[in-house]
Protein backbone atom coordinates (compact mmCIF):
# COMPACT_ATOMS: atom_id res chain seq x y z
CA MET A 1 -14.60 -31.50 31.85
CA ALA A 2 -16.78 -28.98 33.65
CA LYS A 3 -20.24 -29.52 35.08
CA TYR A 4 -21.99 -26.28 34.26
CA TYR A 5 -25.25 -25.17 35.86
CA THR A 6 -27.05 -24.34 32.63
CA SER A 7 -30.56 -23.91 33.91
CA VAL A 8 -33.31 -23.69 31.32
CA ASN A 9 -35.92 -21.45 32.91
CA SER A 10 -38.50 -21.19 30.13
CA PHE A 11 -39.53 -22.41 26.70
CA ALA A 12 -37.77 -19.38 25.22
CA ASP A 13 -34.55 -20.40 27.00
CA ALA A 14 -34.80 -23.92 25.55
CA GLU A 15 -35.36 -22.50 22.07
CA GLN A 16 -32.43 -20.13 22.48
CA TYR A 17 -30.08 -22.85 23.74
CA TYR A 18 -30.92 -25.02 20.76
CA ASN A 19 -30.59 -22.28 18.14
CA ASN A 20 -27.33 -20.88 19.58
CA THR A 21 -25.50 -24.21 20.03
CA ARG A 22 -23.48 -25.73 17.21
CA PRO A 23 -23.89 -29.50 16.77
CA VAL A 24 -20.94 -31.63 17.90
CA ASN A 25 -18.90 -32.98 15.01
CA GLU A 26 -18.37 -36.57 16.19
CA ARG A 27 -15.46 -38.58 14.88
CA ASP A 28 -17.56 -41.53 13.68
CA HIS A 29 -20.87 -39.82 12.92
CA GLY A 30 -20.13 -36.19 12.11
CA THR A 31 -23.23 -34.08 12.80
CA LYS A 32 -25.65 -36.88 11.88
CA TYR A 33 -27.33 -36.88 15.31
CA ASP A 34 -27.59 -33.07 15.62
CA LEU A 35 -26.01 -33.40 19.08
CA ARG A 36 -26.20 -30.00 20.81
CA PRO A 37 -24.74 -30.03 24.37
CA ILE A 38 -26.66 -28.17 27.04
CA GLY A 39 -23.48 -27.35 29.00
CA ASP A 40 -19.84 -28.28 28.54
CA ARG A 41 -19.33 -29.54 24.98
CA ALA A 42 -17.16 -32.34 26.35
CA ARG A 43 -20.27 -33.69 28.09
CA LYS A 44 -22.09 -34.20 24.83
CA TRP A 45 -24.41 -36.82 26.33
CA GLU A 46 -26.17 -33.98 28.17
CA HIS A 47 -27.87 -32.21 25.32
CA ILE A 48 -31.01 -30.55 23.99
CA VAL A 49 -33.24 -31.94 21.25
CA LYS A 50 -35.80 -30.09 19.15
CA ILE A 51 -38.62 -32.63 19.13
CA ASP A 52 -40.98 -30.46 17.12
CA LYS A 53 -41.79 -26.78 16.73
CA PHE A 54 -43.50 -26.61 20.11
CA SER A 55 -41.39 -28.93 22.28
CA TYR A 56 -37.77 -29.28 23.33
CA GLY A 57 -36.32 -32.15 25.33
CA LEU A 58 -33.30 -32.11 27.63
CA PHE A 59 -31.74 -35.56 27.45
CA ASP A 60 -28.92 -37.46 29.18
CA TYR A 61 -28.38 -40.40 26.77
CA SER A 62 -31.09 -42.39 28.53
CA TYR A 63 -34.08 -44.29 27.12
CA GLY A 64 -35.96 -42.36 24.46
CA ASP A 65 -32.96 -40.18 23.60
CA PRO A 66 -32.66 -40.15 19.78
CA CYS A 67 -28.91 -39.60 20.14
CA GLY A 68 -28.38 -41.92 23.09
CA TRP A 69 -26.60 -45.24 23.45
CA HIS A 70 -29.80 -47.32 23.41
CA ALA A 71 -30.94 -45.74 20.16
CA ARG A 72 -27.58 -46.18 18.46
CA TYR A 73 -26.91 -49.70 19.73
CA ASN A 74 -30.37 -50.96 18.76
CA ASP A 75 -30.56 -48.87 15.58
CA LEU A 76 -33.75 -47.18 16.79
CA GLU A 77 -35.21 -43.99 15.38
CA TYR A 78 -37.52 -42.75 18.11
CA GLY A 79 -40.65 -40.90 17.10
CA VAL A 80 -42.08 -37.73 18.59
CA ALA A 81 -44.33 -39.59 21.05
CA ASP A 82 -41.49 -41.68 22.52
CA MET A 83 -39.20 -38.66 22.86
CA LYS A 84 -41.87 -36.57 24.57
CA ARG A 85 -42.74 -39.43 26.90
CA MET A 86 -39.13 -40.12 27.97
CA ALA A 87 -37.31 -36.74 28.08
CA PRO A 88 -35.91 -36.09 31.61
CA ILE A 89 -37.08 -32.49 31.16
CA LEU A 90 -39.56 -31.55 28.46
CA TRP A 91 -40.48 -27.97 27.65
CA GLU A 92 -43.75 -27.72 25.73
CA LYS A 93 -45.65 -24.73 24.38
CA LEU A 94 -49.40 -25.30 24.05
CA PRO A 95 -51.62 -23.78 21.33
CA ASP A 96 -53.08 -21.36 23.89
CA GLY A 97 -49.59 -20.02 24.68
CA ARG A 98 -49.10 -21.75 28.02
CA GLU A 99 -45.66 -23.22 28.78
CA LEU A 100 -45.39 -26.57 30.55
CA MET A 101 -42.29 -28.23 31.97
CA TYR A 102 -42.27 -32.00 32.61
CA VAL A 103 -39.73 -33.36 35.11
CA ARG A 104 -39.02 -37.09 35.17
CA ASN A 105 -36.99 -39.53 37.23
CA GLY A 106 -35.23 -42.55 35.76
CA THR A 107 -36.90 -45.83 34.76
CA GLY A 108 -36.55 -48.71 37.19
CA GLN A 109 -36.16 -48.91 40.97
CA MET A 110 -32.36 -48.77 40.95
CA MET A 111 -30.42 -45.58 41.71
CA HIS A 112 -30.10 -43.13 38.82
CA MET A 113 -27.18 -41.00 40.02
CA ALA A 114 -26.41 -39.53 36.59
CA ARG A 115 -30.06 -38.46 36.24
CA TYR A 116 -30.08 -36.79 39.66
CA ASP A 117 -26.90 -34.90 38.85
CA PHE A 118 -28.30 -33.86 35.46
CA LEU A 119 -31.61 -32.60 36.87
CA GLU A 120 -29.86 -30.64 39.61
CA ARG A 121 -27.92 -28.68 36.99
CA VAL A 122 -30.62 -28.08 34.37
CA LEU A 123 -33.74 -27.46 36.46
CA PRO A 124 -34.86 -23.82 36.59
CA ARG A 125 -32.74 -22.01 39.17
CA PRO A 126 -35.53 -21.45 41.69
CA MET A 127 -35.78 -25.25 41.88
CA ARG A 128 -33.52 -27.88 43.38
CA LEU A 129 -33.37 -31.64 43.26
CA LEU A 130 -33.20 -33.23 46.71
CA VAL A 131 -32.27 -36.82 47.49
CA ARG A 132 -33.44 -37.84 50.95
CA GLY A 133 -33.64 -41.36 52.33
CA GLY A 134 -33.40 -42.95 48.90
CA LYS A 135 -36.20 -40.77 47.51
CA GLN A 136 -36.04 -37.82 45.14
CA TYR A 137 -37.89 -34.52 45.37
CA VAL A 138 -38.11 -31.31 43.39
CA ARG A 139 -37.92 -28.47 45.89
CA TYR A 140 -39.57 -25.17 45.00
CA GLN A 141 -40.65 -22.34 47.30
CA ASP A 142 -40.09 -24.34 50.50
CA LYS A 143 -42.15 -27.29 49.23
CA ASN A 144 -40.86 -30.74 48.33
CA TYR A 145 -42.61 -32.48 45.45
CA PHE A 146 -42.02 -36.22 45.39
CA LEU A 147 -40.47 -37.40 42.11
CA ALA A 148 -41.30 -41.08 41.72
CA LYS A 149 -39.20 -43.49 39.70
CA ARG A 150 -40.84 -44.60 36.49
CA LYS A 151 -41.70 -47.89 34.80
CA VAL A 152 -42.02 -46.42 31.30
CA LEU A 153 -39.88 -47.35 28.31
CA PRO A 154 -40.16 -46.23 24.67
CA LYS A 155 -42.77 -48.21 22.76
CA LEU A 156 -40.35 -48.72 19.89
CA LEU A 157 -37.76 -50.31 22.22
CA LEU A 158 -40.30 -52.52 24.00
CA ASP A 159 -41.70 -53.76 20.70
CA ARG A 160 -38.20 -54.55 19.47
CA VAL A 161 -37.20 -56.43 22.62
CA ARG A 162 -40.41 -58.42 23.02
CA ASN A 163 -40.75 -59.40 19.37
CA ASP A 164 -37.13 -60.29 18.67
CA PRO A 165 -36.38 -63.88 19.86
CA ASN A 166 -32.66 -63.27 19.37
CA HIS A 167 -32.50 -60.24 21.64
CA ILE A 168 -30.34 -61.00 24.68
CA ASN A 169 -32.82 -59.43 27.11
CA ASN A 170 -36.14 -60.23 25.45
CA ARG A 171 -37.35 -62.47 28.28
CA THR A 172 -35.97 -60.71 31.32
CA ARG A 173 -38.34 -59.75 34.09
CA TRP A 174 -37.02 -56.19 33.98
CA TYR A 175 -38.48 -55.60 30.53
CA GLU A 176 -41.66 -57.52 31.25
CA GLU A 177 -42.49 -55.19 34.14
CA LYS A 178 -42.24 -52.05 31.98
CA GLN A 179 -44.88 -50.28 29.88
CA TRP A 180 -44.92 -47.62 27.20
CA ARG A 181 -47.99 -45.72 28.40
CA ASP A 182 -47.49 -42.83 30.81
CA ASP A 183 -47.53 -44.06 34.42
CA GLY A 184 -48.24 -40.66 36.00
CA ALA A 185 -44.89 -40.51 37.80
CA GLN A 186 -43.82 -37.18 36.29
CA LEU A 187 -44.23 -33.69 37.71
CA VAL A 188 -45.72 -31.01 35.45
CA PHE A 189 -45.19 -27.31 36.15
CA GLU A 190 -46.63 -24.34 34.29
CA HIS A 191 -44.28 -21.43 33.72
CA LYS A 192 -45.87 -18.06 34.40
CA ALA A 193 -43.77 -14.89 34.17
CA GLY A 194 -40.75 -16.28 35.96
CA SER A 195 -42.65 -18.42 38.47
CA TYR A 196 -43.82 -22.03 38.37
CA GLU A 197 -47.07 -23.64 39.40
CA LEU A 198 -47.55 -27.37 39.83
CA VAL A 199 -50.44 -28.33 37.56
CA ARG A 200 -50.08 -32.12 37.64
CA ASP A 201 -48.74 -34.00 40.62
CA GLY A 202 -46.87 -37.28 40.29
CA LYS A 203 -47.39 -40.43 42.28
CA GLU A 204 -48.11 -40.33 45.99
CA GLU A 205 -45.04 -40.74 48.15
CA PRO A 206 -45.02 -44.32 49.48
CA LYS A 207 -45.30 -44.76 53.22
CA PRO A 208 -42.73 -46.98 54.89
CA PRO A 209 -44.10 -50.37 55.97
CA LYS A 210 -44.78 -51.00 59.63
CA ILE A 211 -42.51 -53.71 60.96
CA LYS A 212 -43.44 -55.55 64.14
CA VAL A 213 -40.93 -57.72 66.00
CA LEU A 214 -42.30 -61.09 67.13
CA LYS A 215 -40.81 -60.90 70.62
CA ASP A 216 -42.14 -64.22 71.87
CA LYS A 217 -40.59 -66.08 68.95
CA LYS A 218 -37.29 -64.25 69.31
CA LYS A 219 -37.13 -64.84 73.08
CA LYS A 220 -36.84 -68.60 72.54
CA HIS A 221 -33.51 -68.10 70.77
CA LYS A 222 -32.10 -65.34 72.98
CA GLN A 223 -29.10 -67.32 74.23
CA ALA A 224 -28.11 -68.51 70.75
CA ILE A 225 -28.35 -64.95 69.41
CA GLU A 226 -26.12 -63.60 72.18
CA GLU A 227 -23.52 -66.32 71.59
CA PHE A 228 -23.50 -65.52 67.88
CA TRP A 229 -23.19 -61.78 68.58
CA LYS A 230 -20.07 -62.46 70.68
CA TYR A 231 -18.70 -64.61 67.87
CA VAL A 232 -19.31 -61.82 65.32
CA CYS A 233 -17.54 -59.25 67.52
CA THR A 234 -14.55 -61.58 67.87
CA MET A 235 -14.30 -62.49 64.19
CA ALA A 236 -15.13 -59.12 62.59
CA PRO A 237 -11.55 -57.73 62.62
CA MET A 238 -10.30 -60.86 60.84
CA ILE A 239 -13.04 -61.11 58.21
CA SER A 240 -11.97 -59.97 54.76
CA MET A 241 -14.22 -57.56 52.89
CA ASP A 242 -12.89 -58.58 49.50
CA TRP A 243 -16.02 -58.62 47.35
CA GLU A 244 -15.23 -61.97 45.75
CA TYR A 245 -14.82 -63.60 49.16
CA VAL A 246 -18.10 -62.12 50.42
CA ARG A 247 -19.84 -63.16 47.20
CA ASP A 248 -18.59 -66.75 47.47
CA MET A 249 -19.61 -67.08 51.12
CA ARG A 250 -23.11 -65.81 50.36
CA ALA A 251 -23.34 -68.06 47.32
CA GLU A 252 -22.48 -71.11 49.46
CA LEU A 253 -25.30 -70.28 51.88
CA CYS A 254 -27.72 -70.02 48.97
CA ALA A 255 -26.45 -73.16 47.27
CA ILE A 256 -26.86 -75.32 50.38
CA ASN A 257 -30.49 -74.16 50.48
CA GLY A 258 -31.09 -74.65 46.77
CA VAL A 259 -31.86 -71.00 46.03
CA ARG A 260 -30.47 -68.69 43.38
CA TYR A 261 -27.93 -66.07 44.44
CA ALA A 262 -27.55 -62.85 42.47
CA HIS A 263 -24.77 -60.63 43.83
CA TRP A 264 -26.31 -57.47 42.37
CA GLU A 265 -29.54 -57.85 44.33
CA ARG A 266 -29.79 -55.96 47.59
CA GLY A 267 -31.50 -57.00 50.80
CA THR A 268 -31.52 -60.11 52.96
CA LEU A 269 -30.26 -63.35 51.48
CA PRO A 270 -33.14 -65.49 50.17
CA ILE A 271 -32.49 -68.41 52.51
CA PRO A 272 -35.09 -70.04 54.81
CA ASP A 273 -35.25 -68.65 58.33
CA LYS A 274 -35.51 -72.24 59.63
CA PHE A 275 -32.04 -72.93 58.25
CA VAL A 276 -30.61 -69.83 59.96
CA LEU A 277 -32.21 -70.72 63.28
CA ASN A 278 -30.87 -74.26 63.03
CA VAL A 279 -27.35 -72.91 62.40
CA LEU A 280 -27.55 -70.43 65.29
CA ASN A 281 -28.68 -73.04 67.78
CA LYS A 282 -25.73 -75.32 67.05
CA TYR A 283 -22.80 -73.54 68.68
CA ASN A 284 -19.95 -72.79 66.29
CA ASN A 285 -21.73 -74.49 63.41
CA ASP A 286 -19.82 -74.74 60.11
CA TYR A 287 -21.97 -71.94 58.70
CA TRP A 288 -21.50 -69.46 61.54
CA LEU A 289 -18.64 -67.88 59.60
CA HIS A 290 -20.78 -67.56 56.48
CA LEU A 291 -23.50 -65.73 58.40
CA ALA A 292 -20.92 -63.54 60.15
CA VAL A 293 -19.42 -62.55 56.79
CA ASP A 294 -22.85 -61.58 55.50
CA PHE A 295 -23.57 -59.37 58.52
CA VAL A 296 -20.12 -57.77 58.72
CA SER A 297 -20.27 -56.87 55.01
CA ARG A 298 -23.58 -55.06 55.61
CA SER A 299 -22.64 -53.23 58.81
CA ASP A 300 -20.22 -50.65 60.21
CA ILE A 301 -18.70 -53.02 62.76
CA LYS A 302 -15.18 -52.61 61.36
CA ASP A 303 -15.34 -48.86 62.02
CA VAL A 304 -16.36 -49.00 65.68
CA SER A 305 -14.39 -46.54 67.81
CA ASP A 306 -16.61 -45.55 70.75
CA THR A 307 -19.67 -46.50 72.76
CA ASP A 308 -22.08 -44.77 70.39
CA ASP A 309 -20.66 -46.78 67.49
CA ILE A 310 -21.19 -50.01 69.43
CA LYS A 311 -24.84 -49.12 70.05
CA ARG A 312 -25.38 -48.30 66.38
CA VAL A 313 -23.80 -51.57 65.21
CA ARG A 314 -25.78 -53.59 67.75
CA ALA A 315 -28.95 -52.01 66.34
CA GLN A 316 -27.78 -53.04 62.86
CA PHE A 317 -27.25 -56.58 64.14
CA ASN A 318 -30.72 -56.69 65.68
CA ARG A 319 -32.33 -55.64 62.40
CA TRP A 320 -30.25 -58.16 60.47
CA ILE A 321 -30.98 -61.07 62.83
CA ASN A 322 -34.69 -60.20 62.91
CA SER A 323 -34.82 -60.31 59.13
CA MET A 324 -32.72 -63.45 58.69
CA CYS A 325 -34.58 -65.44 61.36
CA GLY A 326 -38.10 -64.33 60.47
CA PHE A 327 -38.62 -62.48 63.74
CA THR A 328 -40.60 -59.70 62.06
CA THR A 329 -43.90 -59.24 60.34
CA THR A 330 -44.60 -56.40 57.93
CA LYS A 331 -47.87 -54.53 57.49
């Protein structure tokens, strides 16, 4: 299937795409969902929806999509408000004739690769979607506009999840942290004769935290750290990167400390730094291998080929050991 760049550059374009596209005749549903692809018909999940006479939404089967998986699986019939609030791109024509385009990131702090790919191909051609350092931006006329991730879900879905005691996810923290009201994370542009003006900015781009290394505390364990570094360099070629092996080794470290381990969560293992320091200071402790597996799985040590690579991996080790042993403070 082809990934077409089918940019919608105006409200008139959205209207034309909708009117000129035949609904997909699905095997199980026929044309019930009025599914009109915005590009390749084989990619039917990328489609355009006529929300009302003055608004069109470009959807990617995500939350709020009346044709999407969440709507079908939960038997939800989203209303106008939910669709307008959740559309990745919403084209709206106001009573005074102005045309507004709303651009939205995905909901939740995870990566939304399908959303990024979708936006890149359907944004107006003068615009681009940039992904830099884990953040997303809409680039237009040499300016980057930060596109924050959202915490908004359709009201209909939230009500269903929170009020249904039999729902499998009704008590998860992920749902509890979400809201149905607009969180101000979207970008709003006004279309004026082929150009676009930002009329409503999204959230302010977060500044990275300042991390200070507690050098005096780290200095006390310098010899143990160096011995462990030598051990890691020796063992790295022999350590398997099979995900089940890595998962089990991490889980054992967590279990011995009585903490929960979730393999899908990123970041440092949630084990006490006192435990790590105790392990490091007992040469060749039983848990040295467990710690080595955790570091090797997070680093590029297996790909070292020259001096520059060694320096880069040593920097990775320093960051890892600082985090695991509590040698840093964050402001």
